[in-house]
Amino acid sequence: MYFRLLFLALFLATSLHQNLSGAEKPFTVVIDPGHGGRDPGAVGATAFEKNIVLSVALKLGKLIETNNKDINLIYTRNTDVFVKLEERSRIANKAKANLFISIHTDGVPNKKVSGASVFTLGQDKLSENIEVAKRENSVILLEENYEQRYEGFNPTSAESYIMFEFLQDAHMDQSIAFASLVQNGFVRKKRTDRGVRQAPYWVLWDTGMPSVLIELGFITNPDEERYLKSEKGQDELVRCIYDAVVEFKNDYQRKSMAKTSEENSDTAGAIAQNTQEAREVQDVQAVQDVPVYKIQLFATSTLLDENNSEFLGLKNIDYYREKDLYKYTYGAFSTEKEAAAERKKIASLFPDAFIVVFKDNIRISLEEARSKP
């Protein structure tokens, strides 16, 4: 615990010094054109979603780079390639981005449906929103070993979405604020207003910053498909998103000086408290026949001491062995919800970390743990 708090103290002191000296890191925006490569996304009469969203993403990036030298811009893809969902969020987490924008077009059998919408993470009870999320999450099925990679999450199964019901995103308010700026821009351009919505998108859940998923319109509607393909339509959509980015960035920078010290102090206290609570949970569960949720950090072929620098100051480190690998875990939690919340807190330290479950010191799948009464 002492070394973890020392690490946090040094981090916060450095961060505060950078803010006061004006050496603050640039505002980072990650633009994520959905689908790509072997995944075409929604299909219209003459166009693929993957091509339209890539064109819009590149136009948006060019506008940002031309007019905002203080913004650090990153793409999850800038060509027609397939990118795994977990890789998209990993790119954003590794960059410690301030804003993640995933760009898509929608598609339904009813060709009369039209309009633009912006989604934030959440578990809205509207079945329509769940179906949209299932379509976007289904790209997981194109990946090799997706069952292991996503720890049993099945994008087509209603049961897999139980995990989202209890989710409280730390960046919810900021995500909704940015989503509203984008949607208001669409409305000003006379687009059919489908509003700011919530849905359980994996890529939004796995990113540790304000994040939105934009549905530019319905590629299955002939009129909207023509608009989405046109230079005029794309330029209008890009301008709406760009104006929202600039306004969000300016507001963020105005507030950041006042918030930095308070937020970092709260985070340090929360991590210290959660570490103590995790130890207490582990002590109780050691003698009970109940699941224990942990956060797997990484695996090596070498046995490491729990105070090794590879753990970046985290305490309550444990490991289990599979074949010739030592797999290291952090914390011990009584529910998946608690583990998911802690995982998001350490995402900047270990962006590839994920939740694992043990019962009677034997690892079980998340799906098996969720099925237990």
Protein backbone atom coordinates (compact mmCIF):
# COMPACT_ATOMS: atom_id res chain seq x y z
CA MET A 1 0.00 0.00 0.00
CA TYR A 2 2.80 2.42 0.93
CA PHE A 3 4.51 2.09 -2.46
CA ARG A 4 1.20 2.48 -4.32
CA LEU A 5 0.38 5.70 -2.43
CA LEU A 6 3.92 6.96 -3.00
CA PHE A 7 3.51 6.27 -6.73
CA LEU A 8 0.22 8.16 -6.78
CA ALA A 9 1.66 11.08 -4.84
CA LEU A 10 4.52 11.45 -7.30
CA PHE A 11 2.11 11.17 -10.23
CA LEU A 12 -0.24 13.82 -8.84
CA ALA A 13 2.60 16.18 -8.00
CA THR A 14 3.99 15.89 -11.51
CA SER A 15 0.55 16.39 -13.05
CA LEU A 16 -0.11 19.48 -10.91
CA HIS A 17 3.29 20.95 -11.77
CA GLN A 18 2.61 20.44 -15.49
CA ASN A 19 -0.77 22.16 -15.23
CA LEU A 20 0.65 25.15 -13.36
CA SER A 21 3.56 25.51 -15.73
CA GLY A 22 1.38 25.30 -18.84
CA ALA A 23 3.06 22.07 -19.97
CA GLU A 24 -0.22 20.22 -20.11
CA LYS A 25 -0.40 17.34 -22.56
CA PRO A 26 -2.30 18.09 -25.78
CA PHE A 27 -6.01 17.37 -25.99
CA THR A 28 -6.21 13.97 -27.71
CA VAL A 29 -9.09 12.89 -29.94
CA VAL A 30 -9.41 9.33 -31.25
CA ILE A 31 -11.56 8.96 -34.37
CA ASP A 32 -12.86 5.45 -34.93
CA PRO A 33 -14.37 4.71 -38.37
CA GLY A 34 -16.48 1.60 -37.76
CA HIS A 35 -16.07 -1.75 -39.55
CA GLY A 36 -13.57 -2.03 -42.44
CA GLY A 37 -11.81 -4.70 -44.46
CA ARG A 38 -13.76 -7.94 -44.51
CA ASP A 39 -16.49 -6.31 -42.41
CA PRO A 40 -18.59 -4.02 -44.65
CA GLY A 41 -20.99 -2.95 -41.91
CA ALA A 42 -24.49 -1.95 -42.99
CA VAL A 43 -25.13 -2.34 -46.71
CA GLY A 44 -27.12 0.07 -48.87
CA ALA A 45 -28.23 -0.21 -52.47
CA THR A 46 -24.93 1.14 -53.80
CA ALA A 47 -22.66 1.72 -50.81
CA PHE A 48 -21.07 0.06 -47.80
CA GLU A 49 -21.04 1.60 -44.33
CA LYS A 50 -17.30 1.02 -43.98
CA ASN A 51 -16.52 3.32 -46.92
CA ILE A 52 -18.84 6.15 -45.95
CA VAL A 53 -17.65 6.32 -42.35
CA LEU A 54 -13.99 6.21 -43.39
CA SER A 55 -14.54 9.13 -45.75
CA VAL A 56 -16.31 11.13 -43.03
CA ALA A 57 -13.60 10.28 -40.49
CA LEU A 58 -10.78 11.42 -42.77
CA LYS A 59 -12.60 14.67 -43.60
CA LEU A 60 -13.16 15.30 -39.89
CA GLY A 61 -9.52 14.60 -39.12
CA LYS A 62 -8.31 16.93 -41.84
CA LEU A 63 -10.54 19.75 -40.58
CA ILE A 64 -9.24 19.28 -37.03
CA GLU A 65 -5.59 19.13 -38.08
CA THR A 66 -5.91 22.23 -40.28
CA ASN A 67 -7.54 24.44 -37.66
CA ASN A 68 -6.45 23.06 -34.28
CA LYS A 69 -2.73 22.52 -33.89
CA ASP A 70 -3.22 21.93 -30.16
CA ILE A 71 -5.25 18.76 -30.76
CA ASN A 72 -3.46 15.43 -31.01
CA LEU A 73 -5.42 13.33 -33.53
CA ILE A 74 -5.38 9.53 -33.72
CA TYR A 75 -7.31 7.17 -36.02
CA THR A 76 -8.15 3.57 -35.19
CA ARG A 77 -7.95 3.03 -38.95
CA ASN A 78 -7.33 5.37 -41.89
CA THR A 79 -7.56 2.75 -44.64
CA ASP A 80 -9.93 -0.07 -45.54
CA VAL A 81 -8.70 -2.62 -42.99
CA PHE A 82 -10.40 -4.79 -40.37
CA VAL A 83 -9.70 -3.69 -36.78
CA LYS A 84 -10.82 -5.76 -33.79
CA LEU A 85 -13.13 -4.07 -31.28
CA GLU A 86 -10.68 -4.59 -28.44
CA GLU A 87 -7.92 -3.02 -30.53
CA ARG A 88 -10.01 0.10 -31.14
CA SER A 89 -10.48 0.70 -27.43
CA ARG A 90 -6.86 -0.27 -26.72
CA ILE A 91 -5.64 2.45 -29.08
CA ALA A 92 -7.73 5.06 -27.25
CA ASN A 93 -6.73 3.85 -23.78
CA LYS A 94 -3.04 3.67 -24.65
CA ALA A 95 -3.15 7.25 -25.96
CA LYS A 96 -4.96 8.37 -22.78
CA ALA A 97 -7.37 10.15 -25.09
CA ASN A 98 -9.69 12.92 -23.94
CA LEU A 99 -12.42 11.99 -26.40
CA PHE A 100 -13.34 8.87 -28.39
CA ILE A 101 -15.62 9.22 -31.44
CA SER A 102 -16.85 6.07 -33.18
CA ILE A 103 -18.54 6.80 -36.52
CA HIS A 104 -21.17 4.54 -38.10
CA THR A 105 -24.22 4.43 -40.35
CA ASP A 106 -27.35 2.53 -39.43
CA GLY A 107 -29.35 0.00 -41.43
CA VAL A 108 -32.74 -1.67 -40.99
CA PRO A 109 -35.10 -3.63 -43.27
CA ASN A 110 -37.61 -0.75 -43.30
CA LYS A 111 -36.30 1.56 -46.02
CA LYS A 112 -38.41 4.48 -44.80
CA VAL A 113 -36.59 4.86 -41.47
CA SER A 114 -34.30 7.89 -41.42
CA GLY A 115 -32.41 10.21 -39.12
CA ALA A 116 -29.20 10.67 -37.16
CA SER A 117 -28.53 9.77 -33.54
CA VAL A 118 -25.64 9.80 -31.09
CA PHE A 119 -25.20 7.03 -28.52
CA THR A 120 -23.45 6.98 -25.18
CA LEU A 121 -22.84 3.92 -23.03
CA GLY A 122 -25.83 2.68 -21.06
CA GLN A 123 -28.54 0.07 -20.76
CA ASP A 124 -31.61 1.80 -22.17
CA LYS A 125 -34.59 -0.54 -21.97
CA LEU A 126 -35.73 0.30 -25.50
CA SER A 127 -35.44 -2.91 -27.50
CA GLU A 128 -34.64 -0.83 -30.60
CA ASN A 129 -31.47 0.50 -28.97
CA ILE A 130 -30.41 -2.99 -27.86
CA GLU A 131 -30.82 -4.28 -31.41
CA VAL A 132 -28.63 -1.47 -32.77
CA ALA A 133 -25.96 -2.37 -30.21
CA LYS A 134 -26.18 -6.06 -31.10
CA ARG A 135 -25.60 -5.24 -34.78
CA GLU A 136 -22.54 -3.12 -34.03
CA ASN A 137 -21.16 -5.55 -31.42
CA SER A 138 -21.60 -8.51 -33.78
CA VAL A 139 -18.31 -7.63 -35.47
CA ILE A 140 -16.79 -9.61 -32.59
CA LEU A 141 -17.99 -12.79 -34.30
CA LEU A 142 -15.59 -12.14 -37.20
CA GLU A 143 -12.57 -12.34 -34.90
CA GLU A 144 -10.59 -15.49 -34.21
CA ASN A 145 -10.96 -16.96 -30.70
CA TYR A 146 -13.54 -14.33 -29.80
CA GLU A 147 -14.92 -16.55 -27.02
CA GLN A 148 -11.62 -16.36 -25.14
CA ARG A 149 -10.74 -12.81 -26.23
CA TYR A 150 -13.99 -11.36 -24.90
CA GLU A 151 -14.27 -13.67 -21.91
CA GLY A 152 -17.48 -15.39 -22.97
CA PHE A 153 -19.32 -12.26 -24.15
CA ASN A 154 -21.70 -13.20 -26.99
CA PRO A 155 -23.04 -10.12 -28.83
CA THR A 156 -26.14 -11.99 -30.01
CA SER A 157 -27.12 -13.29 -26.56
CA ALA A 158 -29.42 -11.25 -24.33
CA GLU A 159 -27.81 -12.85 -21.26
CA SER A 160 -24.43 -11.34 -22.13
CA TYR A 161 -25.86 -7.85 -21.73
CA ILE A 162 -26.65 -8.37 -18.04
CA MET A 163 -23.23 -6.93 -17.21
CA PHE A 164 -24.27 -3.57 -18.64
CA GLU A 165 -27.34 -3.22 -16.43
CA PHE A 166 -25.29 -2.22 -13.40
CA LEU A 167 -22.66 -0.23 -15.22
CA GLN A 168 -21.99 3.31 -14.08
CA ASP A 169 -19.64 5.01 -16.50
CA ALA A 170 -17.35 7.52 -14.80
CA HIS A 171 -17.50 9.69 -17.93
CA MET A 172 -21.24 9.48 -18.50
CA ASP A 173 -21.99 13.18 -18.00
CA GLN A 174 -19.18 14.29 -20.31
CA SER A 175 -20.16 11.73 -22.94
CA ILE A 176 -23.76 12.93 -22.89
CA ALA A 177 -22.62 16.56 -23.07
CA PHE A 178 -20.57 15.91 -26.19
CA ALA A 179 -23.28 13.73 -27.73
CA SER A 180 -25.78 16.56 -27.24
CA LEU A 181 -23.46 19.03 -28.99
CA VAL A 182 -23.20 16.72 -32.01
CA GLN A 183 -26.91 15.96 -32.13
CA ASN A 184 -27.84 19.65 -31.85
CA GLY A 185 -25.63 20.29 -34.86
CA PHE A 186 -27.43 17.60 -36.84
CA VAL A 187 -30.78 19.15 -35.94
CA ARG A 188 -29.60 22.56 -37.12
CA LYS A 189 -28.83 20.93 -40.46
CA LYS A 190 -32.46 19.74 -40.63
CA ARG A 191 -31.61 16.09 -40.13
CA THR A 192 -34.39 13.91 -38.74
CA ASP A 193 -33.72 14.00 -34.99
CA ARG A 194 -33.50 10.55 -33.37
CA GLY A 195 -31.93 12.05 -30.27
CA VAL A 196 -29.15 11.23 -27.86
CA ARG A 197 -29.54 7.60 -26.75
CA GLN A 198 -27.95 4.95 -24.60
CA ALA A 199 -26.98 1.45 -25.66
CA PRO A 200 -24.54 -1.27 -24.48
CA TYR A 201 -21.77 -0.91 -27.05
CA TRP A 202 -18.69 -2.95 -26.20
CA VAL A 203 -16.30 -0.39 -27.70
CA LEU A 204 -17.74 2.39 -25.49
CA TRP A 205 -17.65 0.20 -22.39
CA ASP A 206 -13.99 -0.65 -22.94
CA THR A 207 -12.74 2.94 -23.31
CA GLY A 208 -11.65 4.98 -20.31
CA MET A 209 -12.66 8.46 -21.47
CA PRO A 210 -15.74 10.36 -22.73
CA SER A 211 -16.94 8.27 -25.66
CA VAL A 212 -19.78 8.36 -28.18
CA LEU A 213 -20.96 6.31 -31.12
CA ILE A 214 -22.48 8.38 -33.93
CA GLU A 215 -25.04 6.91 -36.33
CA LEU A 216 -24.89 9.37 -39.24
CA GLY A 217 -28.07 8.09 -40.85
CA PHE A 218 -29.66 5.06 -42.45
CA ILE A 219 -27.78 3.69 -45.42
CA THR A 220 -30.82 1.50 -46.13
CA ASN A 221 -32.96 4.58 -46.82
CA PRO A 222 -32.40 5.55 -50.51
CA ASP A 223 -32.58 9.32 -49.85
CA GLU A 224 -30.25 9.12 -46.88
CA GLU A 225 -27.84 6.85 -48.73
CA ARG A 226 -27.49 9.48 -51.47
CA TYR A 227 -26.96 12.16 -48.81
CA LEU A 228 -24.38 10.07 -46.92
CA LYS A 229 -22.44 9.39 -50.12
CA SER A 230 -22.49 13.01 -51.34
CA GLU A 231 -19.76 15.59 -50.73
CA LYS A 232 -22.38 18.04 -49.47
CA GLY A 233 -23.85 15.56 -47.02
CA GLN A 234 -20.49 14.44 -45.67
CA ASP A 235 -19.21 18.01 -45.36
CA GLU A 236 -22.30 19.01 -43.36
CA LEU A 237 -22.00 16.02 -41.04
CA VAL A 238 -18.29 16.60 -40.55
CA ARG A 239 -18.87 20.25 -39.68
CA CYS A 240 -21.43 19.31 -37.03
CA ILE A 241 -19.00 16.88 -35.37
CA TYR A 242 -16.07 19.28 -35.70
CA ASP A 243 -17.91 22.18 -34.07
CA ALA A 244 -18.86 19.88 -31.20
CA VAL A 245 -15.23 18.77 -30.75
CA VAL A 246 -13.97 22.36 -30.58
CA GLU A 247 -16.66 23.45 -28.12
CA PHE A 248 -16.12 20.36 -25.96
CA LYS A 249 -12.33 20.88 -25.94
CA ASN A 250 -12.59 24.55 -25.01
CA ASP A 251 -14.99 23.78 -22.17
CA TYR A 252 -12.79 20.92 -20.99
CA GLN A 253 -9.71 23.14 -20.88
CA ARG A 254 -11.56 25.87 -18.98
CA LYS A 255 -12.58 23.39 -16.31
CA SER A 256 -9.47 21.22 -16.15
CA MET A 257 -7.34 23.50 -13.96
CA ALA A 258 -10.00 23.65 -11.26
CA LYS A 259 -10.80 19.95 -11.40
CA THR A 260 -7.37 18.32 -11.71
CA SER A 261 -6.26 18.52 -8.09
CA GLU A 262 -9.64 17.49 -6.67
CA GLU A 263 -10.19 14.60 -9.10
CA ASN A 264 -6.70 13.16 -8.67
CA SER A 265 -7.06 13.34 -4.88
CA ASP A 266 -10.41 11.52 -5.06
CA THR A 267 -8.93 8.86 -7.35
CA ALA A 268 -5.98 8.21 -5.02
CA GLY A 269 -8.31 7.82 -2.06
CA ALA A 270 -10.67 5.53 -3.96
CA ILE A 271 -7.88 3.22 -5.11
CA ALA A 272 -6.46 3.03 -1.58
CA GLN A 273 -9.90 2.24 -0.17
CA ASN A 274 -10.66 -0.35 -2.87
CA THR A 275 -7.35 -2.08 -2.22
CA GLN A 276 -8.23 -2.48 1.47
CA GLU A 277 -11.77 -3.60 0.63
CA ALA A 278 -10.39 -6.12 -1.87
CA ARG A 279 -8.22 -7.66 0.81
CA GLU A 280 -11.21 -7.97 3.13
CA VAL A 281 -13.30 -9.58 0.37
CA GLN A 282 -10.53 -12.04 -0.42
CA ASP A 283 -10.19 -13.04 3.26
CA VAL A 284 -13.94 -13.76 3.50
CA GLN A 285 -14.24 -15.55 0.17
CA ALA A 286 -11.29 -17.79 0.89
CA VAL A 287 -13.54 -19.83 3.16
CA GLN A 288 -16.78 -19.55 1.20
CA ASP A 289 -18.08 -21.32 -1.85
CA VAL A 290 -18.67 -18.12 -3.87
CA PRO A 291 -17.06 -16.64 -6.99
CA VAL A 292 -14.12 -14.26 -6.63
CA TYR A 293 -13.67 -11.67 -9.39
CA LYS A 294 -10.15 -10.47 -10.17
CA ILE A 295 -8.52 -8.28 -12.80
CA GLN A 296 -5.91 -10.06 -14.91
CA LEU A 297 -3.05 -7.69 -15.79
CA PHE A 298 -0.69 -9.77 -17.93
CA ALA A 299 1.05 -13.13 -18.24
CA THR A 300 4.75 -14.06 -18.28
CA SER A 301 6.85 -17.18 -18.33
CA THR A 302 8.72 -15.87 -15.26
CA LEU A 303 7.59 -15.86 -11.64
CA LEU A 304 7.62 -12.26 -10.36
CA ASP A 305 7.68 -10.91 -6.83
CA GLU A 306 4.49 -9.03 -5.86
CA ASN A 307 6.57 -5.86 -5.41
CA ASN A 308 8.03 -6.07 -8.91
CA SER A 309 8.02 -2.76 -10.82
CA GLU A 310 6.01 -4.42 -13.61
CA PHE A 311 2.92 -4.00 -11.42
CA LEU A 312 3.34 -0.20 -11.47
CA GLY A 313 2.81 0.13 -7.74
CA LEU A 314 -0.44 -1.88 -7.53
CA LYS A 315 -0.81 -4.03 -4.44
CA ASN A 316 -2.98 -7.09 -3.70
CA ILE A 317 -1.27 -8.92 -6.58
CA ASP A 318 -1.85 -12.65 -7.02
CA TYR A 319 -1.18 -15.15 -9.80
CA TYR A 320 -2.34 -18.46 -11.17
CA ARG A 321 -0.55 -20.80 -13.54
CA GLU A 322 -1.77 -22.20 -16.84
CA LYS A 323 0.56 -24.40 -18.85
CA ASP A 324 3.92 -22.61 -18.80
CA LEU A 325 2.60 -19.12 -18.00
CA TYR A 326 2.19 -17.21 -14.76
CA LYS A 327 -0.94 -15.06 -15.04
CA TYR A 328 -1.00 -12.11 -12.67
CA THR A 329 -4.15 -10.63 -11.17
CA TYR A 330 -5.02 -7.55 -9.15
CA GLY A 331 -7.66 -7.23 -6.43
CA ALA A 332 -10.48 -9.50 -5.32
CA PHE A 333 -14.13 -8.53 -5.63
CA SER A 334 -17.43 -10.12 -4.71
CA THR A 335 -19.28 -8.94 -7.85
CA GLU A 336 -18.54 -8.40 -11.52
CA LYS A 337 -19.83 -4.84 -11.19
CA GLU A 338 -17.19 -3.97 -8.59
CA ALA A 339 -14.43 -5.57 -10.65
CA ALA A 340 -15.54 -3.71 -13.80
CA ALA A 341 -15.51 -0.38 -11.96
CA GLU A 342 -11.99 -0.97 -10.64
CA ARG A 343 -10.79 -2.14 -14.05
CA LYS A 344 -11.80 1.20 -15.55
CA LYS A 345 -9.86 3.03 -12.82
CA ILE A 346 -6.60 1.28 -13.73
CA ALA A 347 -7.20 1.34 -17.51
CA SER A 348 -4.52 4.00 -18.00
CA LEU A 349 -1.97 1.72 -16.31
CA PHE A 350 -3.08 -1.58 -17.83
CA PRO A 351 -5.32 -0.93 -20.87
CA ASP A 352 -5.41 -4.63 -21.82
CA ALA A 353 -6.52 -5.87 -18.37
CA PHE A 354 -9.70 -7.96 -18.15
CA ILE A 355 -11.88 -9.68 -15.53
CA VAL A 356 -11.40 -13.32 -14.54
CA VAL A 357 -13.41 -15.38 -12.05
CA PHE A 358 -12.39 -18.09 -9.58
CA LYS A 359 -14.41 -20.50 -7.47
CA ASP A 360 -12.67 -22.75 -4.95
CA ASN A 361 -9.38 -21.45 -6.43
CA ILE A 362 -10.34 -22.79 -9.88
CA ARG A 363 -10.89 -20.39 -12.75
CA ILE A 364 -14.38 -20.44 -14.26
CA SER A 365 -15.86 -18.47 -17.16
CA LEU A 366 -17.79 -15.24 -16.68
CA GLU A 367 -20.84 -16.86 -18.24
CA GLU A 368 -20.72 -19.67 -15.68
CA ALA A 369 -20.40 -17.16 -12.83
CA ARG A 370 -23.35 -15.13 -14.17
CA SER A 371 -25.51 -18.23 -14.35
CA LYS A 372 -25.02 -19.04 -10.65
CA PRO A 373 -27.87 -17.98 -8.31
